[in-house]
C-alpha atoms as a PDB file:
ATOM      1  CA  MET A   1     127.864 119.889  84.054  1.00  0.00           C
ATOM      2  CA  ALA A   2     130.668 121.405  82.182  1.00  0.00           C
ATOM      3  CA  ARG A   3     132.785 118.257  82.327  1.00  0.00           C
ATOM      4  CA  ARG A   4     129.134 116.537  80.867  1.00  0.00           C
ATOM      5  CA  ARG A   5     128.803 118.985  78.082  1.00  0.00           C
ATOM      6  CA  SER A   6     132.266 118.907  77.048  1.00  0.00           C
ATOM      7  CA  GLY A   7     132.152 114.998  76.676  1.00  0.00           C
ATOM      8  CA  SER A   8     129.091 115.590  74.689  1.00  0.00           C
ATOM      9  CA  LEU A   9     130.755 117.864  72.300  1.00  0.00           C
ATOM     10  CA  LEU A  10     133.504 115.263  71.462  1.00  0.00           C
ATOM     11  CA  VAL A  11     130.957 112.718  70.812  1.00  0.00           C
ATOM     12  CA  ARG A  12     129.334 115.108  68.312  1.00  0.00           C
ATOM     13  CA  LEU A  13     132.585 116.081  66.815  1.00  0.00           C
ATOM     14  CA  ALA A  14     133.760 112.701  66.360  1.00  0.00           C
ATOM     15  CA  PRO A  15     131.551 111.961  62.959  1.00  0.00           C
ATOM     16  CA  LEU A  16     131.991 115.424  61.756  1.00  0.00           C
ATOM     17  CA  GLY A  17     135.920 114.465  61.771  1.00  0.00           C
ATOM     18  CA  SER A  18     135.487 110.847  60.388  1.00  0.00           C
ATOM     19  CA  LEU A  19     133.104 111.949  57.476  1.00  0.00           C
ATOM     20  CA  GLY A  20     135.598 114.992  56.716  1.00  0.00           C
ATOM     21  CA  GLY A  21     138.895 112.626  56.502  1.00  0.00           C
ATOM     22  CA  LEU A  22     137.050 109.944  54.536  1.00  0.00           C
ATOM     23  CA  GLY A  23     135.789 112.533  52.314  1.00  0.00           C
ATOM     24  CA  MET A  24     139.534 113.923  51.765  1.00  0.00           C
ATOM     25  CA  LEU A  25     140.462 110.528  50.827  1.00  0.00           C
ATOM     26  CA  ALA A  26     137.483 109.722  48.323  1.00  0.00           C
ATOM     27  CA  VAL A  27     138.754 113.139  46.399  1.00  0.00           C
ATOM     28  CA  ALA A  28     142.168 111.965  46.530  1.00  0.00           C
ATOM     29  CA  GLY A  29     141.073 108.413  45.320  1.00  0.00           C
ATOM     30  CA  GLU A  30     138.984 110.474  42.422  1.00  0.00           C
ATOM     31  CA  HIS A  31     136.038 108.651  43.851  1.00  0.00           C
ATOM     32  CA  TYR A  32     133.785 111.942  43.416  1.00  0.00           C
ATOM     33  CA  ALA A  33     130.397 110.631  43.553  1.00  0.00           C
ATOM     34  CA  LEU A  34     131.471 109.205  47.022  1.00  0.00           C
ATOM     35  CA  ALA A  35     133.209 112.283  48.464  1.00  0.00           C
ATOM     36  CA  GLY A  36     129.819 114.089  47.416  1.00  0.00           C
ATOM     37  CA  LEU A  37     127.926 111.845  49.530  1.00  0.00           C
ATOM     38  CA  LEU A  38     130.421 111.869  52.537  1.00  0.00           C
ATOM     39  CA  GLY A  39     130.581 116.041  52.134  1.00  0.00           C
ATOM     40  CA  ALA A  40     126.821 116.312  52.410  1.00  0.00           C
ATOM     41  CA  GLY A  41     127.298 114.045  55.436  1.00  0.00           C
ATOM     42  CA  ALA A  42     129.946 116.276  57.149  1.00  0.00           C
ATOM     43  CA  ALA A  43     127.835 119.395  56.315  1.00  0.00           C
ATOM     44  CA  VAL A  44     124.663 117.864  58.226  1.00  0.00           C
ATOM     45  CA  ALA A  45     127.047 116.579  61.106  1.00  0.00           C
ATOM     46  CA  GLY A  46     128.667 120.465  61.213  1.00  0.00           C
ATOM     47  CA  TYR A  47     125.075 121.965  60.945  1.00  0.00           C
ATOM     48  CA  ARG A  48     123.885 119.989  64.167  1.00  0.00           C
ATOM     49  CA  LEU A  49     127.217 120.828  65.920  1.00  0.00           C
ATOM     50  CA  LEU A  50     126.966 124.604  65.269  1.00  0.00           C
ATOM     51  CA  ASP A  51     123.261 124.318  66.252  1.00  0.00           C
ATOM     52  CA  ARG A  52     124.098 124.928  70.108  1.00  0.00           C
ATOM     53  CA  GLU A  53     120.751 125.629  71.191  1.00  0.00           C
ATOM     54  CA  GLY A  54     119.399 123.106  69.638  1.00  0.00           C
ATOM     55  CA  ASN A  55     121.855 120.477  71.090  1.00  0.00           C
ATOM     56  CA  ALA A  56     121.487 122.179  74.507  1.00  0.00           C
ATOM     57  CA  ARG A  57     117.640 121.946  74.364  1.00  0.00           C
ATOM     58  CA  ARG A  58     117.985 118.229  73.129  1.00  0.00           C
ATOM     59  CA  GLU A  59     120.569 117.590  76.124  1.00  0.00           C
ATOM     60  CA  LEU A  60     117.876 119.085  78.580  1.00  0.00           C
ATOM     61  CA  TRP A  61     114.889 117.220  77.537  1.00  0.00           C
ATOM     62  CA  ARG A  62     117.104 113.808  77.510  1.00  0.00           C
ATOM     63  CA  ARG A  63     118.015 114.516  81.167  1.00  0.00           C
ATOM     64  CA  ALA A  64     114.527 115.522  81.902  1.00  0.00           C
ATOM     65  CA  ARG A  65     113.463 112.225  80.500  1.00  0.00           C
ATOM     66  CA  SER A  66     116.036 110.208  82.720  1.00  0.00           C
ATOM     67  CA  ASN A  67     114.880 112.287  85.960  1.00  0.00           C
ATOM     68  CA  VAL A  68     111.397 110.832  85.018  1.00  0.00           C
ATOM     69  CA  ARG A  69     112.531 107.302  84.398  1.00  0.00           C
ATOM     70  CA  ALA A  70     114.473 107.707  87.944  1.00  0.00           C
ATOM     71  CA  LEU A  71     111.535 108.917  89.680  1.00  0.00           C
ATOM     72  CA  GLU A  72     109.091 106.252  88.260  1.00  0.00           C
ATOM     73  CA  ARG A  73     111.837 103.377  89.548  1.00  0.00           C
ATOM     74  CA  VAL A  74     111.814 105.247  92.946  1.00  0.00           C
ATOM     75  CA  ALA A  75     108.092 105.062  93.082  1.00  0.00           C
ATOM     76  CA  ARG A  76     107.963 101.182  92.554  1.00  0.00           C
ATOM     77  CA  GLU A  77     110.778 100.538  95.097  1.00  0.00           C
ATOM     78  CA  ASP A  78     108.949 102.799  97.565  1.00  0.00           C
ATOM     79  CA  PRO A  79     105.167 102.885  97.325  1.00  0.00           C
ATOM     80  CA  VAL A  80     105.144 105.396 100.445  1.00  0.00           C
ATOM     81  CA  SER A  81     106.848 107.875  98.341  1.00  0.00           C
ATOM     82  CA  ALA A  82     104.965 107.274  94.829  1.00  0.00           C
ATOM     83  CA  PRO A  83     102.476 110.059  94.946  1.00  0.00           C
ATOM     84  CA  GLN A  84     105.514 112.683  95.602  1.00  0.00           C
ATOM     85  CA  MET A  85     107.633 111.310  92.746  1.00  0.00           C
ATOM     86  CA  ARG A  86     104.737 111.390  90.323  1.00  0.00           C
ATOM     87  CA  ARG A  87     104.071 115.125  91.588  1.00  0.00           C
ATOM     88  CA  ILE A  88     107.762 115.936  91.057  1.00  0.00           C
ATOM     89  CA  ALA A  89     107.686 114.279  87.439  1.00  0.00           C
ATOM     90  CA  GLU A  90     104.579 116.192  86.611  1.00  0.00           C
ATOM     91  CA  LEU A  91     106.002 119.624  87.952  1.00  0.00           C
ATOM     92  CA  GLN A  92     109.400 119.006  86.171  1.00  0.00           C
ATOM     93  CA  GLY A  93     107.211 118.680  82.716  1.00  0.00           C
ATOM     94  CA  GLY A  94     104.947 121.583  83.460  1.00  0.00           C
ATOM     95  CA  LEU A  95     108.177 123.880  84.190  1.00  0.00           C
ATOM     96  CA  LEU A  96     109.373 122.866  80.912  1.00  0.00           C
ATOM     97  CA  GLU A  97     106.407 123.487  79.013  1.00  0.00           C
ATOM     98  CA  SER A  98     106.063 126.861  80.660  1.00  0.00           C
ATOM     99  CA  TRP A  99     109.933 127.419  79.309  1.00  0.00           C
ATOM    100  CA  GLU A 100     108.905 126.609  75.918  1.00  0.00           C
ATOM    101  CA  LEU A 101     105.838 128.726  75.892  1.00  0.00           C
ATOM    102  CA  LEU A 102     108.139 131.857  76.682  1.00  0.00           C
ATOM    103  CA  PRO A 103     108.978 134.022  73.126  1.00  0.00           C
ATOM    104  CA  GLU A 104     111.990 132.349  71.889  1.00  0.00           C
ATOM    105  CA  GLN A 105     114.076 135.316  72.072  1.00  0.00           C
ATOM    106  CA  TYR A 106     113.526 135.186  75.846  1.00  0.00           C
ATOM    107  CA  ARG A 107     114.184 131.456  76.339  1.00  0.00           C
ATOM    108  CA  PRO A 108     118.305 132.003  76.105  1.00  0.00           C
ATOM    109  CA  LEU A 109     118.011 134.127  79.326  1.00  0.00           C
ATOM    110  CA  LEU A 110     116.915 131.243  81.511  1.00  0.00           C
ATOM    111  CA  ASP A 111     118.604 128.391  79.801  1.00  0.00           C
ATOM    112  CA  GLU A 112     121.281 127.986  82.618  1.00  0.00           C
ATOM    113  CA  ASP A 113     118.588 128.280  85.236  1.00  0.00           C
ATOM    114  CA  VAL A 114     116.417 125.446  83.730  1.00  0.00           C
ATOM    115  CA  PHE A 115     119.474 123.272  83.455  1.00  0.00           C
ATOM    116  CA  THR A 116     120.141 123.801  87.360  1.00  0.00           C
ATOM    117  CA  VAL A 117     116.598 122.985  88.103  1.00  0.00           C
ATOM    118  CA  VAL A 118     116.649 119.681  85.937  1.00  0.00           C
ATOM    119  CA  GLU A 119     119.774 118.832  87.960  1.00  0.00           C
ATOM    120  CA  GLU A 120     118.385 119.532  91.030  1.00  0.00           C
ATOM    121  CA  VAL A 121     115.553 117.283  90.261  1.00  0.00           C
ATOM    122  CA  GLU A 122     118.082 114.490  89.586  1.00  0.00           C
ATOM    123  CA  ASN A 123     119.607 115.200  92.955  1.00  0.00           C
ATOM    124  CA  ALA A 124     115.848 115.089  94.338  1.00  0.00           C
ATOM    125  CA  VAL A 125     115.658 111.535  93.299  1.00  0.00           C
ATOM    126  CA  ARG A 126     118.953 110.778  95.126  1.00  0.00           C
ATOM    127  CA  LEU A 127     117.691 112.051  98.292  1.00  0.00           C
ATOM    128  CA  ALA A 128     114.425 110.057  97.769  1.00  0.00           C
ATOM    129  CA  ARG A 129     116.370 106.875  97.249  1.00  0.00           C
ATOM    130  CA  ARG A 130     118.684 107.644 100.307  1.00  0.00           C
ATOM    131  CA  ARG A 131     115.214 108.418 102.267  1.00  0.00           C
ATOM    132  CA  ALA A 132     113.854 104.782 101.034  1.00  0.00           C
ATOM    133  CA  ALA A 133     117.092 103.143 102.273  1.00  0.00           C
ATOM    134  CA  LEU A 134     116.872 104.819 105.629  1.00  0.00           C
ATOM    135  CA  ARG A 135     113.444 103.878 106.245  1.00  0.00           C
ATOM    136  CA  ARG A 136     114.275 100.661 105.442  1.00  0.00           C
ATOM    137  CA  HIS A 137     117.199 100.339 107.813  1.00  0.00           C
ATOM    138  CA  LEU A 138     114.847 102.152 110.859  1.00  0.00           C
ATOM    139  CA  ASP A 139     112.299  99.569 110.047  1.00  0.00           C
ATOM    140  CA  GLY A 140     114.881  96.801 111.345  1.00  0.00           C
ATOM    141  CA  MET A 141     115.620  98.717 114.417  1.00  0.00           C
ATOM    142  CA  GLU A 142     113.610  98.833 117.613  1.00  0.00           C
ATOM    143  CA  ARG A 143     114.435 102.061 119.255  1.00  0.00           C
ATOM    144  CA  GLN A 144     112.812 100.759 123.034  1.00  0.00           C
ATOM    145  CA  ASP A 145     114.518  97.474 122.655  1.00  0.00           C
ATOM    146  CA  ILE A 146     118.056  99.338 122.223  1.00  0.00           C
ATOM    147  CA  ARG A 147     117.213 101.486 125.137  1.00  0.00           C
ATOM    148  CA  ARG A 148     116.305  98.352 127.233  1.00  0.00           C
ATOM    149  CA  ARG A 149     119.807  96.853 126.438  1.00  0.00           C
ATOM    150  CA  ILE A 150     121.229  99.679 127.647  1.00  0.00           C
ATOM    151  CA  ARG A 151     119.722  99.784 130.808  1.00  0.00           C
ATOM    152  CA  SER A 152     120.529  95.930 131.330  1.00  0.00           C
ATOM    153  CA  LEU A 153     124.072  96.483 130.296  1.00  0.00           C
ATOM    154  CA  GLN A 154     124.199  99.373 132.699  1.00  0.00           C
ATOM    155  CA  GLU A 155     122.678  97.166 135.616  1.00  0.00           C
ATOM    156  CA  ASP A 156     125.322  94.294 134.656  1.00  0.00           C
ATOM    157  CA  LEU A 157     128.220  96.916 134.890  1.00  0.00           C
ATOM    158  CA  ALA A 158     127.339  98.186 138.345  1.00  0.00           C
ATOM    159  CA  GLN A 159     127.538  94.552 139.786  1.00  0.00           C
ATOM    160  CA  LEU A 160     130.867  94.182 138.449  1.00  0.00           C
ATOM    161  CA  GLU A 161     133.819  94.825 140.818  1.00  0.00           C
ATOM    162  CA  GLU A 162     136.333  97.527 139.385  1.00  0.00           C
ATOM    163  CA  GLY A 163     139.021  95.066 138.693  1.00  0.00           C
ATOM    164  CA  SER A 164     136.850  92.790 136.870  1.00  0.00           C
ATOM    165  CA  PRO A 165     138.245  91.496 133.514  1.00  0.00           C
ATOM    166  CA  LEU A 166     134.487  91.576 132.216  1.00  0.00           C
ATOM    167  CA  ARG A 167     134.364  95.282 132.672  1.00  0.00           C
ATOM    168  CA  ALA A 168     135.983  96.096 129.357  1.00  0.00           C
ATOM    169  CA  THR A 169     133.587  93.681 127.470  1.00  0.00           C
ATOM    170  CA  PHE A 170     130.605  95.228 128.760  1.00  0.00           C
ATOM    171  CA  GLU A 171     131.793  98.812 128.579  1.00  0.00           C
ATOM    172  CA  ARG A 172     132.681  98.410 124.458  1.00  0.00           C
ATOM    173  CA  ALA A 173     129.058  96.885 124.271  1.00  0.00           C
ATOM    174  CA  LEU A 174     127.492  99.556 125.923  1.00  0.00           C
ATOM    175  CA  ALA A 175     129.438 102.005 123.956  1.00  0.00           C
ATOM    176  CA  GLY A 176     128.164 100.410 121.112  1.00  0.00           C
ATOM    177  CA  ARG A 177     124.504 100.299 122.065  1.00  0.00           C
ATOM    178  CA  ARG A 178     124.618 104.192 122.558  1.00  0.00           C
ATOM    179  CA  ALA A 179     126.437 104.507 119.499  1.00  0.00           C
ATOM    180  CA  GLU A 180     123.246 102.662 117.561  1.00  0.00           C
ATOM    181  CA  LEU A 181     120.589 104.753 119.490  1.00  0.00           C
ATOM    182  CA  ALA A 182     122.634 108.094 118.440  1.00  0.00           C
ATOM    183  CA  GLY A 183     122.694 106.579 114.918  1.00  0.00           C
ATOM    184  CA  TYR A 184     119.102 105.881 115.062  1.00  0.00           C
ATOM    185  CA  GLU A 185     118.365 109.435 116.270  1.00  0.00           C
ATOM    186  CA  GLU A 186     120.665 110.899 113.362  1.00  0.00           C
ATOM    187  CA  MET A 187     118.635 108.676 110.761  1.00  0.00           C
ATOM    188  CA  LEU A 188     115.376 109.950 112.077  1.00  0.00           C
ATOM    189  CA  ASP A 189     116.518 113.721 111.549  1.00  0.00           C
ATOM    190  CA  GLY A 190     117.851 112.830 108.150  1.00  0.00           C
ATOM    191  CA  VAL A 191     114.477 111.450 106.985  1.00  0.00           C
ATOM    192  CA  SER A 192     112.937 114.745 108.371  1.00  0.00           C
ATOM    193  CA  MET A 193     115.354 116.609 106.351  1.00  0.00           C
ATOM    194  CA  ILE A 194     114.999 114.790 103.130  1.00  0.00           C
ATOM    195  CA  ASN A 195     111.063 115.542 103.536  1.00  0.00           C
ATOM    196  CA  ALA A 196     111.213 119.102 104.150  1.00  0.00           C
ATOM    197  CA  GLN A 197     113.668 119.347 101.299  1.00  0.00           C
ATOM    198  CA  LEU A 198     111.333 117.273  98.672  1.00  0.00           C
ATOM    199  CA  GLU A 199     108.516 119.304  99.799  1.00  0.00           C
ATOM    200  CA  SER A 200     110.655 122.290  99.085  1.00  0.00           C
ATOM    201  CA  ALA A 201     111.323 121.170  95.729  1.00  0.00           C
ATOM    202  CA  GLU A 202     107.946 120.420  94.947  1.00  0.00           C
ATOM    203  CA  SER A 203     106.900 124.053  96.051  1.00  0.00           C
ATOM    204  CA  LEU A 204     109.973 125.657  94.018  1.00  0.00           C
ATOM    205  CA  LEU A 205     109.134 123.714  90.834  1.00  0.00           C
ATOM    206  CA  GLY A 206     105.250 124.698  90.999  1.00  0.00           C
ATOM    207  CA  SER A 207     106.303 128.330  91.551  1.00  0.00           C
ATOM    208  CA  LEU A 208     108.628 128.586  88.710  1.00  0.00           C
ATOM    209  CA  ARG A 209     106.020 127.169  86.516  1.00  0.00           C
ATOM    210  CA  GLY A 210     103.630 129.708  87.600  1.00  0.00           C
ATOM    211  CA  ASP A 211     106.088 132.594  87.419  1.00  0.00           C
ATOM    212  CA  LEU A 212     107.196 131.577  83.802  1.00  0.00           C
ATOM    213  CA  LEU A 213     103.701 131.353  82.737  1.00  0.00           C
ATOM    214  CA  THR A 214     102.830 134.891  84.221  1.00  0.00           C
ATOM    215  CA  LEU A 215     106.360 136.439  82.738  1.00  0.00           C
ATOM    216  CA  GLU A 216     105.132 136.803  79.212  1.00  0.00           C
ATOM    217  CA  ALA A 217     102.198 138.927  80.491  1.00  0.00           C
ATOM    218  CA  GLY A 218     104.552 141.628  81.361  1.00  0.00           C
ATOM    219  CA  LEU A 219     107.540 141.438  78.804  1.00  0.00           C
ATOM    220  CA  ALA A 220     108.281 145.182  78.788  1.00  0.00           C
ATOM    221  CA  PRO A 221     111.871 145.472  79.586  1.00  0.00           C
ATOM    222  CA  GLN A 222     111.765 146.661  83.423  1.00  0.00           C
ATOM    223  CA  ALA A 223     109.002 143.927  84.247  1.00  0.00           C
ATOM    224  CA  LEU A 224     110.930 141.357  82.383  1.00  0.00           C
ATOM    225  CA  GLU A 225     114.328 142.373  83.956  1.00  0.00           C
ATOM    226  CA  GLY A 226     112.642 142.361  87.731  1.00  0.00           C
ATOM    227  CA  GLY A 227     110.593 138.939  86.804  1.00  0.00           C
ATOM    228  CA  LEU A 228     114.031 137.199  85.300  1.00  0.00           C
ATOM    229  CA  ASP A 229     115.920 138.420  88.381  1.00  0.00           C
ATOM    230  CA  ARG A 230     113.316 136.673  90.990  1.00  0.00           C
ATOM    231  CA  LEU A 231     113.340 133.720  89.320  1.00  0.00           C
ATOM    232  CA  LYS A 232     117.139 133.361  89.194  1.00  0.00           C
ATOM    233  CA  GLU A 233     117.397 134.257  92.718  1.00  0.00           C
ATOM    234  CA  ARG A 234     114.721 131.440  93.675  1.00  0.00           C
ATOM    235  CA  VAL A 235     116.819 128.735  91.548  1.00  0.00           C
ATOM    236  CA  ALA A 236     120.079 129.799  93.336  1.00  0.00           C
ATOM    237  CA  LEU A 237     118.571 129.746  96.885  1.00  0.00           C
ATOM    238  CA  PHE A 238     117.163 126.174  95.847  1.00  0.00           C
ATOM    239  CA  LYS A 239     120.389 124.855  94.463  1.00  0.00           C
ATOM    240  CA  ARG A 240     122.026 126.234  97.724  1.00  0.00           C
ATOM    241  CA  SER A 241     119.504 124.520  99.822  1.00  0.00           C
ATOM    242  CA  MET A 242     119.815 121.162  98.330  1.00  0.00           C
ATOM    243  CA  ASP A 243     123.397 121.146  98.501  1.00  0.00           C
ATOM    244  CA  GLU A 244     123.241 121.940 102.395  1.00  0.00           C
ATOM    245  CA  VAL A 245     120.797 119.058 102.713  1.00  0.00           C
ATOM    246  CA  THR A 246     122.692 116.631 100.718  1.00  0.00           C
ATOM    247  CA  ARG A 247     125.979 117.106 102.497  1.00  0.00           C
ATOM    248  CA  ALA A 248     124.394 116.884 105.601  1.00  0.00           C
ATOM    249  CA  VAL A 249     122.467 113.611 104.859  1.00  0.00           C
ATOM    250  CA  GLY A 250     125.526 112.136 103.217  1.00  0.00           C
ATOM    251  CA  LYS A 251     127.418 112.256 106.765  1.00  0.00           C
ATOM    252  CA  LEU A 252     124.696 109.658 108.282  1.00  0.00           C
ATOM    253  CA  HIS A 253     126.167 106.348 108.691  1.00  0.00           C
ATOM    254  CA  GLU A 254     124.698 103.063 109.852  1.00  0.00           C
ATOM    255  CA  PRO A 255     126.412 102.539 113.110  1.00  0.00           C
ATOM    256  CA  ALA A 256     128.231  99.322 114.058  1.00  0.00           C
ATOM    257  CA  THR A 257     126.991  97.636 117.018  1.00  0.00           C
ATOM    258  CA  GLU A 258     129.341  95.657 119.405  1.00  0.00           C
ATOM    259  CA  GLU A 259     128.456  92.131 120.246  1.00  0.00           C
ATOM    260  CA  LEU A 260     126.607  91.695 123.433  1.00  0.00           C
ATOM    261  CA  PRO A 261     128.528  89.616 125.915  1.00  0.00           C
ATOM    262  CA  ALA A 262     126.611  86.300 126.564  1.00  0.00           C
ATOM    263  CA  ARG A 263     124.044  86.549 129.290  1.00  0.00           C
END
């Protein structure tokens, strides 16, 4: 996130530097009217650059809108997940709305946490796309057929003599089928992990929205501090959970199968 923000800062610095440089050239050439216009433009660019809170908020909403578009795309590509994708998009919007309703002086206390949640929604989109790809791959596999082929290969191997040159070929094919079956089980586990994590994402977004809405009711310093601590702990726990699932799912692979010997 820090790299993305630094890149965004450089983009915002570019027009300020250009306007300032052109203004100096205009003054040197005694084109004072043009210099005045360029100076006004530089002042506006400088104000926007210094308006850090405003810039951060615009970046936050830009990323939130990007998440919504990505969720809508997943919903179109994977109709089974469409209701869940719509719920996550609505919950993200509700969370940001609740954050905006906090008194202005308290919002900066949760800036990083809200950014983190929006980033994790982005990660949830990637998990949802991964789940859709796993489902499509699993749809093309028949576990019972793989097991039947394994039994058939085992029977064929049992009938071959120890020194038969065909044994190595059948053993490779059997190992490939077993790896394919193990991969099938791993992918099922991956889909289950993603299902649980996306349910957790929904639950967290809903809970955080409710917590933010009720936080204002107890804005006495002690109550505020306790409420903020709970929110931050939830966000940190959610981020760790998302990272763990993302790493685990990232290890899944589509197993390569050995070509079966001709029957």
